[in-house]
């Protein structure tokens, strides 16, 4: 029974991943990579490649708070909100990751 559960879960995860890769590709004016010779590319457009990670969990509170604060800063400054820069400081050098929301109206 456990093997069947794992197989079903893997199939569901694969199907969900493909679905969100296709939706993500639309948002960046791109396409899902079907070329098996480039297995690390999930989605690409003419100038960029993207790694897609989907999860069924809620967006972490710190991201929701940062997006809200960024929206307020955008209004205050009359500038476009560029995104969240998350800095990981543990290790030999700091790593900076840019997080930008590309959803329309908070949906798919």
PDB file of N, CA and C in Angstrom:
ATOM      1  N   UNK A   1       0.825  -1.203   0.000  1.00  0.00           N
ATOM      2  CA  UNK A   1       0.000   0.000   0.000  1.00  0.00           C
ATOM      3  C   UNK A   1       0.866   1.262   0.000  1.00  0.00           C
ATOM      4  N   UNK A   2       1.971   1.228   0.738  1.00  0.00           N
ATOM      5  CA  UNK A   2       2.852   2.388   0.822  1.00  0.00           C
ATOM      6  C   UNK A   2       3.430   2.740  -0.545  1.00  0.00           C
ATOM      7  N   UNK A   3       3.820   1.737  -1.334  1.00  0.00           N
ATOM      8  CA  UNK A   3       4.366   1.982  -2.665  1.00  0.00           C
ATOM      9  C   UNK A   3       3.334   2.658  -3.557  1.00  0.00           C
ATOM     10  N   UNK A   4       2.083   2.208  -3.481  1.00  0.00           N
ATOM     11  CA  UNK A   4       1.031   2.802  -4.295  1.00  0.00           C
ATOM     12  C   UNK A   4       0.789   4.257  -3.868  1.00  0.00           C
ATOM     13  N   UNK A   5       0.812   4.534  -2.570  1.00  0.00           N
ATOM     14  CA  UNK A   5       0.644   5.898  -2.072  1.00  0.00           C
ATOM     15  C   UNK A   5       1.766   6.795  -2.582  1.00  0.00           C
ATOM     16  N   UNK A   6       3.013   6.296  -2.536  1.00  0.00           N
ATOM     17  CA  UNK A   6       4.153   7.070  -3.029  1.00  0.00           C
ATOM     18  C   UNK A   6       4.039   7.341  -4.524  1.00  0.00           C
ATOM     19  N   UNK A   7       3.628   6.336  -5.274  1.00  0.00           N
ATOM     20  CA  UNK A   7       3.474   6.494  -6.719  1.00  0.00           C
ATOM     21  C   UNK A   7       2.403   7.529  -7.022  1.00  0.00           C
ATOM     22  N   UNK A   8       1.280   7.456  -6.320  1.00  0.00           N
ATOM     23  CA  UNK A   8       0.197   8.420  -6.522  1.00  0.00           C
ATOM     24  C   UNK A   8       0.661   9.829  -6.160  1.00  0.00           C
ATOM     25  N   UNK A   9       1.373   9.968  -5.041  1.00  0.00           N
ATOM     26  CA  UNK A   9       1.881  11.276  -4.618  1.00  0.00           C
ATOM     27  C   UNK A   9       2.864  11.827  -5.650  1.00  0.00           C
ATOM     28  N   UNK A  10       3.778  10.976  -6.125  1.00  0.00           N
ATOM     29  CA  UNK A  10       4.748  11.419  -7.130  1.00  0.00           C
ATOM     30  C   UNK A  10       4.053  11.880  -8.410  1.00  0.00           C
ATOM     31  N   UNK A  11       3.047  11.130  -8.858  1.00  0.00           N
ATOM     32  CA  UNK A  11       2.303  11.509 -10.059  1.00  0.00           C
ATOM     33  C   UNK A  11       1.572  12.838  -9.847  1.00  0.00           C
ATOM     34  N   UNK A  12       0.956  13.008  -8.685  1.00  0.00           N
ATOM     35  CA  UNK A  12       0.264  14.260  -8.382  1.00  0.00           C
ATOM     36  C   UNK A  12       1.240  15.432  -8.345  1.00  0.00           C
ATOM     37  N   UNK A  13       2.403  15.245  -7.718  1.00  0.00           N
ATOM     38  CA  UNK A  13       3.411  16.297  -7.644  1.00  0.00           C
ATOM     39  C   UNK A  13       3.921  16.665  -9.034  1.00  0.00           C
ATOM     40  N   UNK A  14       4.148  15.665  -9.869  1.00  0.00           N
ATOM     41  CA  UNK A  14       4.636  15.906 -11.231  1.00  0.00           C
ATOM     42  C   UNK A  14       3.593  16.688 -12.033  1.00  0.00           C
ATOM     43  N   UNK A  15       2.330  16.284 -11.923  1.00  0.00           N
ATOM     44  CA  UNK A  15       1.246  16.968 -12.643  1.00  0.00           C
ATOM     45  C   UNK A  15       1.105  18.411 -12.145  1.00  0.00           C
ATOM     46  N   UNK A  16       1.153  18.611 -10.829  1.00  0.00           N
ATOM     47  CA  UNK A  16       1.051  19.953 -10.258  1.00  0.00           C
ATOM     48  C   UNK A  16       2.233  20.808 -10.711  1.00  0.00           C
ATOM     49  N   UNK A  17       3.432  20.229 -10.717  1.00  0.00           N
ATOM     50  CA  UNK A  17       4.620  20.958 -11.153  1.00  0.00           C
ATOM     51  C   UNK A  17       4.504  21.430 -12.592  1.00  0.00           C
ATOM     52  N   UNK A  18       4.057  20.561 -13.481  1.00  0.00           N
ATOM     53  CA  UNK A  18       3.892  20.929 -14.895  1.00  0.00           C
ATOM     54  C   UNK A  18       2.858  22.032 -15.044  1.00  0.00           C
ATOM     55  N   UNK A  19       1.768  21.930 -14.282  1.00  0.00           N
ATOM     56  CA  UNK A  19       0.711  22.942 -14.336  1.00  0.00           C
ATOM     57  C   UNK A  19       1.271  24.315 -13.969  1.00  0.00           C
ATOM     58  N   UNK A  20       2.018  24.391 -12.879  1.00  0.00           N
ATOM     59  CA  UNK A  20       2.550  25.679 -12.441  1.00  0.00           C
ATOM     60  C   UNK A  20       3.725  26.147 -13.292  1.00  0.00           C
ATOM     61  N   UNK A  21       4.449  25.235 -13.897  1.00  0.00           N
ATOM     62  CA  UNK A  21       5.469  25.647 -14.862  1.00  0.00           C
ATOM     63  C   UNK A  21       4.803  26.329 -16.060  1.00  0.00           C
ATOM     64  N   UNK A  22       3.697  25.771 -16.543  1.00  0.00           N
ATOM     65  CA  UNK A  22       2.988  26.386 -17.676  1.00  0.00           C
ATOM     66  C   UNK A  22       2.428  27.754 -17.309  1.00  0.00           C
ATOM     67  N   UNK A  23       1.820  27.877 -16.132  1.00  0.00           N
ATOM     68  CA  UNK A  23       1.284  29.171 -15.691  1.00  0.00           C
ATOM     69  C   UNK A  23       2.410  30.184 -15.505  1.00  0.00           C
ATOM     70  N   UNK A  24       3.525  29.740 -14.928  1.00  0.00           N
ATOM     71  CA  UNK A  24       4.666  30.636 -14.723  1.00  0.00           C
ATOM     72  C   UNK A  24       5.231  31.100 -16.057  1.00  0.00           C
ATOM     73  N   UNK A  25       5.304  30.198 -17.021  1.00  0.00           N
ATOM     74  CA  UNK A  25       5.821  30.554 -18.346  1.00  0.00           C
ATOM     75  C   UNK A  25       4.979  31.659 -18.976  1.00  0.00           C
ATOM     76  N   UNK A  26       3.664  31.574 -18.828  1.00  0.00           N
ATOM     77  CA  UNK A  26       2.784  32.621 -19.365  1.00  0.00           C
ATOM     78  C   UNK A  26       3.115  33.972 -18.738  1.00  0.00           C
ATOM     79  N   UNK A  27       3.401  33.988 -17.448  1.00  0.00           N
ATOM     80  CA  UNK A  27       3.634  35.245 -16.727  1.00  0.00           C
ATOM     81  C   UNK A  27       4.942  35.926 -17.137  1.00  0.00           C
ATOM     82  N   UNK A  28       5.891  35.158 -17.669  1.00  0.00           N
ATOM     83  CA  UNK A  28       7.176  35.746 -18.080  1.00  0.00           C
ATOM     84  C   UNK A  28       7.326  35.745 -19.604  1.00  0.00           C
ATOM     85  N   UNK A  29       6.196  35.607 -20.301  1.00  0.00           N
ATOM     86  CA  UNK A  29       6.195  35.562 -21.768  1.00  0.00           C
ATOM     87  C   UNK A  29       7.174  34.510 -22.290  1.00  0.00           C
ATOM     88  N   UNK A  30       7.084  33.340 -21.699  1.00  0.00           N
ATOM     89  CA  UNK A  30       8.009  32.283 -22.069  1.00  0.00           C
ATOM     90  C   UNK A  30       7.308  30.966 -22.323  1.00  0.00           C
ATOM     91  N   UNK A  31       8.041  29.896 -22.172  1.00  0.00           N
ATOM     92  CA  UNK A  31       7.544  28.557 -22.429  1.00  0.00           C
ATOM     93  C   UNK A  31       8.244  27.577 -21.504  1.00  0.00           C
ATOM     94  N   UNK A  32       7.570  26.449 -21.314  1.00  0.00           N
ATOM     95  CA  UNK A  32       8.114  25.371 -20.498  1.00  0.00           C
ATOM     96  C   UNK A  32       9.144  24.613 -21.329  1.00  0.00           C
ATOM     97  N   UNK A  33      10.287  24.317 -20.734  1.00  0.00           N
ATOM     98  CA  UNK A  33      11.337  23.596 -21.443  1.00  0.00           C
ATOM     99  C   UNK A  33      10.962  22.123 -21.576  1.00  0.00           C
ATOM    100  N   UNK A  34      10.927  21.629 -22.790  1.00  0.00           N
ATOM    101  CA  UNK A  34      10.665  20.212 -23.046  1.00  0.00           C
ATOM    102  C   UNK A  34      11.908  19.513 -23.594  1.00  0.00           C
ATOM    103  N   UNK A  35      12.998  20.254 -23.721  1.00  0.00           N
ATOM    104  CA  UNK A  35      14.245  19.737 -24.276  1.00  0.00           C
ATOM    105  C   UNK A  35      14.998  18.959 -23.205  1.00  0.00           C
ATOM    106  N   UNK A  36      15.044  17.647 -23.335  1.00  0.00           N
ATOM    107  CA  UNK A  36      15.677  16.791 -22.325  1.00  0.00           C
ATOM    108  C   UNK A  36      17.195  16.961 -22.270  1.00  0.00           C
ATOM    109  N   UNK A  37      17.783  17.614 -23.278  1.00  0.00           N
ATOM    110  CA  UNK A  37      19.234  17.835 -23.252  1.00  0.00           C
ATOM    111  C   UNK A  37      19.596  18.988 -22.302  1.00  0.00           C
ATOM    112  N   UNK A  38      18.575  19.739 -21.824  1.00  0.00           N
ATOM    113  CA  UNK A  38      18.799  20.825 -20.862  1.00  0.00           C
ATOM    114  C   UNK A  38      17.902  20.586 -19.646  1.00  0.00           C
ATOM    115  N   UNK A  39      18.231  19.587 -18.842  1.00  0.00           N
ATOM    116  CA  UNK A  39      17.331  19.177 -17.755  1.00  0.00           C
ATOM    117  C   UNK A  39      17.202  20.178 -16.610  1.00  0.00           C
ATOM    118  N   UNK A  40      18.065  21.170 -16.539  1.00  0.00           N
ATOM    119  CA  UNK A  40      17.997  22.119 -15.425  1.00  0.00           C
ATOM    120  C   UNK A  40      17.085  23.309 -15.699  1.00  0.00           C
ATOM    121  N   UNK A  41      16.636  23.452 -16.928  1.00  0.00           N
ATOM    122  CA  UNK A  41      15.784  24.574 -17.307  1.00  0.00           C
ATOM    123  C   UNK A  41      14.313  24.172 -17.197  1.00  0.00           C
ATOM    124  N   UNK A  42      13.576  24.846 -16.299  1.00  0.00           N
ATOM    125  CA  UNK A  42      12.135  24.592 -16.184  1.00  0.00           C
ATOM    126  C   UNK A  42      11.367  25.455 -17.175  1.00  0.00           C
ATOM    127  N   UNK A  43      11.625  26.764 -17.119  1.00  0.00           N
ATOM    128  CA  UNK A  43      10.912  27.731 -17.953  1.00  0.00           C
ATOM    129  C   UNK A  43      11.935  28.703 -18.518  1.00  0.00           C
ATOM    130  N   UNK A  44      11.685  29.161 -19.733  1.00  0.00           N
ATOM    131  CA  UNK A  44      12.585  30.131 -20.343  1.00  0.00           C
ATOM    132  C   UNK A  44      11.802  31.083 -21.227  1.00  0.00           C
ATOM    133  N   UNK A  45      12.404  32.237 -21.485  1.00  0.00           N
ATOM    134  CA  UNK A  45      11.899  33.134 -22.521  1.00  0.00           C
ATOM    135  C   UNK A  45      13.105  33.490 -23.382  1.00  0.00           C
ATOM    136  N   UNK A  46      13.032  34.520 -24.173  1.00  0.00           N
ATOM    137  CA  UNK A  46      14.130  34.845 -25.085  1.00  0.00           C
ATOM    138  C   UNK A  46      15.408  35.277 -24.374  1.00  0.00           C
ATOM    139  N   UNK A  47      15.301  35.747 -23.135  1.00  0.00           N
ATOM    140  CA  UNK A  47      16.476  36.293 -22.445  1.00  0.00           C
ATOM    141  C   UNK A  47      16.780  35.670 -21.087  1.00  0.00           C
ATOM    142  N   UNK A  48      15.834  34.951 -20.478  1.00  0.00           N
ATOM    143  CA  UNK A  48      16.020  34.439 -19.122  1.00  0.00           C
ATOM    144  C   UNK A  48      15.612  32.973 -19.023  1.00  0.00           C
ATOM    145  N   UNK A  49      16.177  32.299 -18.025  1.00  0.00           N
ATOM    146  CA  UNK A  49      15.710  30.962 -17.636  1.00  0.00           C
ATOM    147  C   UNK A  49      15.218  31.051 -16.200  1.00  0.00           C
ATOM    148  N   UNK A  50      14.266  30.203 -15.846  1.00  0.00           N
ATOM    149  CA  UNK A  50      13.651  30.242 -14.525  1.00  0.00           C
ATOM    150  C   UNK A  50      13.564  28.842 -13.942  1.00  0.00           C
ATOM    151  N   UNK A  51      13.841  28.743 -12.659  1.00  0.00           N
ATOM    152  CA  UNK A  51      13.641  27.511 -11.897  1.00  0.00           C
ATOM    153  C   UNK A  51      12.330  27.684 -11.144  1.00  0.00           C
ATOM    154  N   UNK A  52      11.379  26.794 -11.355  1.00  0.00           N
ATOM    155  CA  UNK A  52      10.067  26.911 -10.745  1.00  0.00           C
ATOM    156  C   UNK A  52       9.977  25.960  -9.558  1.00  0.00           C
ATOM    157  N   UNK A  53       9.578  26.506  -8.416  1.00  0.00           N
ATOM    158  CA  UNK A  53       9.343  25.713  -7.218  1.00  0.00           C
ATOM    159  C   UNK A  53       7.936  26.011  -6.739  1.00  0.00           C
ATOM    160  N   UNK A  54       7.078  25.015  -6.724  1.00  0.00           N
ATOM    161  CA  UNK A  54       5.717  25.223  -6.238  1.00  0.00           C
ATOM    162  C   UNK A  54       5.545  24.489  -4.917  1.00  0.00           C
ATOM    163  N   UNK A  55       4.665  25.027  -4.104  1.00  0.00           N
ATOM    164  CA  UNK A  55       4.376  24.405  -2.821  1.00  0.00           C
ATOM    165  C   UNK A  55       2.906  24.618  -2.508  1.00  0.00           C
ATOM    166  N   UNK A  56       2.335  23.732  -1.728  1.00  0.00           N
ATOM    167  CA  UNK A  56       0.942  23.863  -1.337  1.00  0.00           C
ATOM    168  C   UNK A  56       0.812  24.626  -0.021  1.00  0.00           C
ATOM    169  N   UNK A  57       1.916  25.092   0.525  1.00  0.00           N
ATOM    170  CA  UNK A  57       1.889  25.844   1.779  1.00  0.00           C
ATOM    171  C   UNK A  57       1.497  27.294   1.519  1.00  0.00           C
ATOM    172  N   UNK A  58       1.040  27.950   2.570  1.00  0.00           N
ATOM    173  CA  UNK A  58       0.735  29.378   2.472  1.00  0.00           C
ATOM    174  C   UNK A  58       2.029  30.164   2.332  1.00  0.00           C
ATOM    175  N   UNK A  59       1.910  31.364   1.783  1.00  0.00           N
ATOM    176  CA  UNK A  59       3.064  32.257   1.681  1.00  0.00           C
ATOM    177  C   UNK A  59       3.503  32.593   3.116  1.00  0.00           C
ATOM    178  N   UNK A  60       4.805  32.519   3.413  1.00  0.00           N
ATOM    179  CA  UNK A  60       5.259  32.844   4.773  1.00  0.00           C
ATOM    180  C   UNK A  60       4.850  34.263   5.181  1.00  0.00           C
ATOM    181  N   UNK A  61       4.551  34.427   6.444  1.00  0.00           N
ATOM    182  CA  UNK A  61       4.100  35.714   6.970  1.00  0.00           C
ATOM    183  C   UNK A  61       5.112  36.813   6.679  1.00  0.00           C
ATOM    184  N   UNK A  62       6.410  36.506   6.790  1.00  0.00           N
ATOM    185  CA  UNK A  62       7.405  37.551   6.574  1.00  0.00           C
ATOM    186  C   UNK A  62       7.357  38.074   5.134  1.00  0.00           C
ATOM    187  N   UNK A  63       7.006  37.212   4.173  1.00  0.00           N
ATOM    188  CA  UNK A  63       6.888  37.672   2.788  1.00  0.00           C
ATOM    189  C   UNK A  63       5.640  38.533   2.635  1.00  0.00           C
ATOM    190  N   UNK A  64       4.511  38.086   3.190  1.00  0.00           N
ATOM    191  CA  UNK A  64       3.292  38.908   3.130  1.00  0.00           C
ATOM    192  C   UNK A  64       3.526  40.281   3.748  1.00  0.00           C
ATOM    193  N   UNK A  65       4.188  40.309   4.905  1.00  0.00           N
ATOM    194  CA  UNK A  65       4.466  41.584   5.568  1.00  0.00           C
ATOM    195  C   UNK A  65       5.387  42.459   4.724  1.00  0.00           C
ATOM    196  N   UNK A  66       6.406  41.860   4.134  1.00  0.00           N
ATOM    197  CA  UNK A  66       7.349  42.622   3.310  1.00  0.00           C
ATOM    198  C   UNK A  66       6.670  43.167   2.054  1.00  0.00           C
ATOM    199  N   UNK A  67       5.769  42.382   1.443  1.00  0.00           N
ATOM    200  CA  UNK A  67       5.041  42.861   0.272  1.00  0.00           C
ATOM    201  C   UNK A  67       4.136  44.038   0.633  1.00  0.00           C
ATOM    202  N   UNK A  68       3.496  43.947   1.776  1.00  0.00           N
ATOM    203  CA  UNK A  68       2.643  45.038   2.242  1.00  0.00           C
ATOM    204  C   UNK A  68       3.466  46.302   2.515  1.00  0.00           C
ATOM    205  N   UNK A  69       4.593  46.124   3.180  1.00  0.00           N
ATOM    206  CA  UNK A  69       5.474  47.263   3.464  1.00  0.00           C
ATOM    207  C   UNK A  69       6.010  47.867   2.169  1.00  0.00           C
ATOM    208  N   UNK A  70       6.338  47.022   1.204  1.00  0.00           N
ATOM    209  CA  UNK A  70       6.818  47.513  -0.086  1.00  0.00           C
ATOM    210  C   UNK A  70       5.752  48.289  -0.842  1.00  0.00           C
ATOM    211  N   UNK A  71       4.493  47.820  -0.767  1.00  0.00           N
ATOM    212  CA  UNK A  71       3.386  48.534  -1.414  1.00  0.00           C
ATOM    213  C   UNK A  71       3.216  49.916  -0.784  1.00  0.00           C
ATOM    214  N   UNK A  72       3.323  49.996   0.541  1.00  0.00           N
ATOM    215  CA  UNK A  72       3.235  51.284   1.234  1.00  0.00           C
ATOM    216  C   UNK A  72       4.386  52.202   0.825  1.00  0.00           C
ATOM    217  N   UNK A  73       5.583  51.649   0.754  1.00  0.00           N
ATOM    218  CA  UNK A  73       6.752  52.443   0.362  1.00  0.00           C
ATOM    219  C   UNK A  73       6.591  52.961  -1.067  1.00  0.00           C
ATOM    220  N   UNK A  74       5.985  52.150  -1.938  1.00  0.00           N
ATOM    221  CA  UNK A  74       5.757  52.546  -3.318  1.00  0.00           C
ATOM    222  C   UNK A  74       4.836  53.765  -3.393  1.00  0.00           C
ATOM    223  N   UNK A  75       3.769  53.728  -2.599  1.00  0.00           N
ATOM    224  CA  UNK A  75       2.827  54.853  -2.574  1.00  0.00           C
ATOM    225  C   UNK A  75       3.508  56.101  -2.016  1.00  0.00           C
ATOM    226  N   UNK A  76       4.223  55.933  -0.904  1.00  0.00           N
ATOM    227  CA  UNK A  76       4.891  57.074  -0.258  1.00  0.00           C
ATOM    228  C   UNK A  76       5.907  57.752  -1.181  1.00  0.00           C
ATOM    229  N   UNK A  77       6.618  56.943  -1.961  1.00  0.00           N
ATOM    230  CA  UNK A  77       7.710  57.472  -2.786  1.00  0.00           C
ATOM    231  C   UNK A  77       7.302  57.769  -4.222  1.00  0.00           C
ATOM    232  N   UNK A  78       6.087  57.360  -4.601  1.00  0.00           N
ATOM    233  CA  UNK A  78       5.625  57.457  -5.996  1.00  0.00           C
ATOM    234  C   UNK A  78       6.575  56.730  -6.946  1.00  0.00           C
ATOM    235  N   UNK A  79       7.108  55.609  -6.474  1.00  0.00           N
ATOM    236  CA  UNK A  79       7.995  54.775  -7.295  1.00  0.00           C
ATOM    237  C   UNK A  79       7.429  53.364  -7.363  1.00  0.00           C
ATOM    238  N   UNK A  80       7.890  52.603  -8.335  1.00  0.00           N
ATOM    239  CA  UNK A  80       7.456  51.219  -8.508  1.00  0.00           C
ATOM    240  C   UNK A  80       8.175  50.330  -7.496  1.00  0.00           C
ATOM    241  N   UNK A  81       7.417  49.462  -6.851  1.00  0.00           N
ATOM    242  CA  UNK A  81       8.003  48.518  -5.889  1.00  0.00           C
ATOM    243  C   UNK A  81       8.804  47.469  -6.660  1.00  0.00           C
ATOM    244  N   UNK A  82      10.097  47.369  -6.363  1.00  0.00           N
ATOM    245  CA  UNK A  82      10.991  46.470  -7.084  1.00  0.00           C
ATOM    246  C   UNK A  82      11.029  45.050  -6.570  1.00  0.00           C
ATOM    247  N   UNK A  83      10.549  44.825  -5.357  1.00  0.00           N
ATOM    248  CA  UNK A  83      10.546  43.483  -4.802  1.00  0.00           C
ATOM    249  C   UNK A  83      11.201  43.435  -3.444  1.00  0.00           C
ATOM    250  N   UNK A  84      11.326  42.240  -2.929  1.00  0.00           N
ATOM    251  CA  UNK A  84      11.939  41.988  -1.625  1.00  0.00           C
ATOM    252  C   UNK A  84      13.352  41.475  -1.885  1.00  0.00           C
ATOM    253  N   UNK A  85      14.315  42.001  -1.175  1.00  0.00           N
ATOM    254  CA  UNK A  85      15.670  41.439  -1.232  1.00  0.00           C
ATOM    255  C   UNK A  85      15.899  40.718   0.088  1.00  0.00           C
ATOM    256  N   UNK A  86      16.009  39.404   0.011  1.00  0.00           N
ATOM    257  CA  UNK A  86      16.257  38.565   1.189  1.00  0.00           C
ATOM    258  C   UNK A  86      17.755  38.314   1.257  1.00  0.00           C
ATOM    259  N   UNK A  87      18.352  38.626   2.403  1.00  0.00           N
ATOM    260  CA  UNK A  87      19.795  38.462   2.571  1.00  0.00           C
ATOM    261  C   UNK A  87      20.052  37.310   3.538  1.00  0.00           C
ATOM    262  N   UNK A  88      20.787  36.319   3.076  1.00  0.00           N
ATOM    263  CA  UNK A  88      21.230  35.200   3.918  1.00  0.00           C
ATOM    264  C   UNK A  88      22.675  35.483   4.301  1.00  0.00           C
ATOM    265  N   UNK A  89      22.940  35.618   5.580  1.00  0.00           N
ATOM    266  CA  UNK A  89      24.254  36.073   6.034  1.00  0.00           C
ATOM    267  C   UNK A  89      25.116  34.968   6.608  1.00  0.00           C
ATOM    268  N   UNK A  90      24.590  33.766   6.741  1.00  0.00           N
ATOM    269  CA  UNK A  90      25.364  32.657   7.297  1.00  0.00           C
ATOM    270  C   UNK A  90      26.283  32.083   6.223  1.00  0.00           C
ATOM    271  N   UNK A  91      27.528  31.882   6.559  1.00  0.00           N
ATOM    272  CA  UNK A  91      28.460  31.308   5.593  1.00  0.00           C
ATOM    273  C   UNK A  91      29.575  32.266   5.246  1.00  0.00           C
ATOM    274  N   UNK A  92      30.361  31.900   4.267  1.00  0.00           N
ATOM    275  CA  UNK A  92      31.548  32.677   3.886  1.00  0.00           C
ATOM    276  C   UNK A  92      31.189  34.051   3.329  1.00  0.00           C
ATOM    277  N   UNK A  93      30.097  34.135   2.572  1.00  0.00           N
ATOM    278  CA  UNK A  93      29.694  35.437   2.033  1.00  0.00           C
ATOM    279  C   UNK A  93      28.177  35.528   2.044  1.00  0.00           C
ATOM    280  N   UNK A  94      27.675  36.750   2.163  1.00  0.00           N
ATOM    281  CA  UNK A  94      26.230  36.963   2.151  1.00  0.00           C
ATOM    282  C   UNK A  94      25.678  36.670   0.762  1.00  0.00           C
ATOM    283  N   UNK A  95      24.442  36.164   0.729  1.00  0.00           N
ATOM    284  CA  UNK A  95      23.756  35.913  -0.538  1.00  0.00           C
ATOM    285  C   UNK A  95      22.481  36.742  -0.562  1.00  0.00           C
ATOM    286  N   UNK A  96      22.237  37.404  -1.666  1.00  0.00           N
ATOM    287  CA  UNK A  96      21.105  38.299  -1.830  1.00  0.00           C
ATOM    288  C   UNK A  96      20.150  37.713  -2.864  1.00  0.00           C
ATOM    289  N   UNK A  97      18.911  37.515  -2.479  1.00  0.00           N
ATOM    290  CA  UNK A  97      17.914  36.955  -3.387  1.00  0.00           C
ATOM    291  C   UNK A  97      16.788  37.965  -3.585  1.00  0.00           C
ATOM    292  N   UNK A  98      16.451  38.242  -4.831  1.00  0.00           N
ATOM    293  CA  UNK A  98      15.375  39.161  -5.164  1.00  0.00           C
ATOM    294  C   UNK A  98      14.086  38.369  -5.335  1.00  0.00           C
ATOM    295  N   UNK A  99      13.063  38.749  -4.596  1.00  0.00           N
ATOM    296  CA  UNK A  99      11.752  38.105  -4.672  1.00  0.00           C
ATOM    297  C   UNK A  99      10.768  39.127  -5.231  1.00  0.00           C
ATOM    298  N   UNK A 100      10.143  38.789  -6.349  1.00  0.00           N
ATOM    299  CA  UNK A 100       9.157  39.672  -6.963  1.00  0.00           C
ATOM    300  C   UNK A 100       7.873  38.895  -7.198  1.00  0.00           C
ATOM    301  N   UNK A 101       6.745  39.516  -6.885  1.00  0.00           N
ATOM    302  CA  UNK A 101       5.461  38.865  -7.148  1.00  0.00           C
ATOM    303  C   UNK A 101       5.038  39.165  -8.577  1.00  0.00           C
ATOM    304  N   UNK A 102       4.669  38.115  -9.306  1.00  0.00           N
ATOM    305  CA  UNK A 102       4.244  38.301 -10.688  1.00  0.00           C
ATOM    306  C   UNK A 102       2.814  37.819 -10.905  1.00  0.00           C
ATOM    307  N   UNK A 103       2.098  37.515  -9.809  1.00  0.00           N
ATOM    308  CA  UNK A 103       0.713  37.092  -9.953  1.00  0.00           C
ATOM    309  C   UNK A 103      -0.167  38.287 -10.262  1.00  0.00           C
ATOM    310  N   UNK A 104      -1.288  38.004 -10.882  1.00  0.00           N
ATOM    311  CA  UNK A 104      -2.282  39.034 -11.184  1.00  0.00           C
ATOM    312  C   UNK A 104      -3.360  38.960 -10.110  1.00  0.00           C
ATOM    313  N   UNK A 105      -3.549  40.018  -9.369  1.00  0.00           N
ATOM    314  CA  UNK A 105      -4.592  40.091  -8.352  1.00  0.00           C
ATOM    315  C   UNK A 105      -4.482  38.969  -7.311  1.00  0.00           C
ATOM    316  N   UNK A 106      -3.272  38.533  -7.007  1.00  0.00           N
ATOM    317  CA  UNK A 106      -3.067  37.544  -5.967  1.00  0.00           C
ATOM    318  C   UNK A 106      -3.567  36.154  -6.303  1.00  0.00           C
ATOM    319  N   UNK A 107      -3.885  35.864  -7.553  1.00  0.00           N
ATOM    320  CA  UNK A 107      -4.382  34.536  -7.924  1.00  0.00           C
ATOM    321  C   UNK A 107      -3.404  33.820  -8.812  1.00  0.00           C
ATOM    322  N   UNK A 108      -3.904  32.831  -9.531  1.00  0.00           N
ATOM    323  CA  UNK A 108      -3.047  32.082 -10.447  1.00  0.00           C
ATOM    324  C   UNK A 108      -2.716  32.976 -11.615  1.00  0.00           C
TER     325      UNK A 108
END
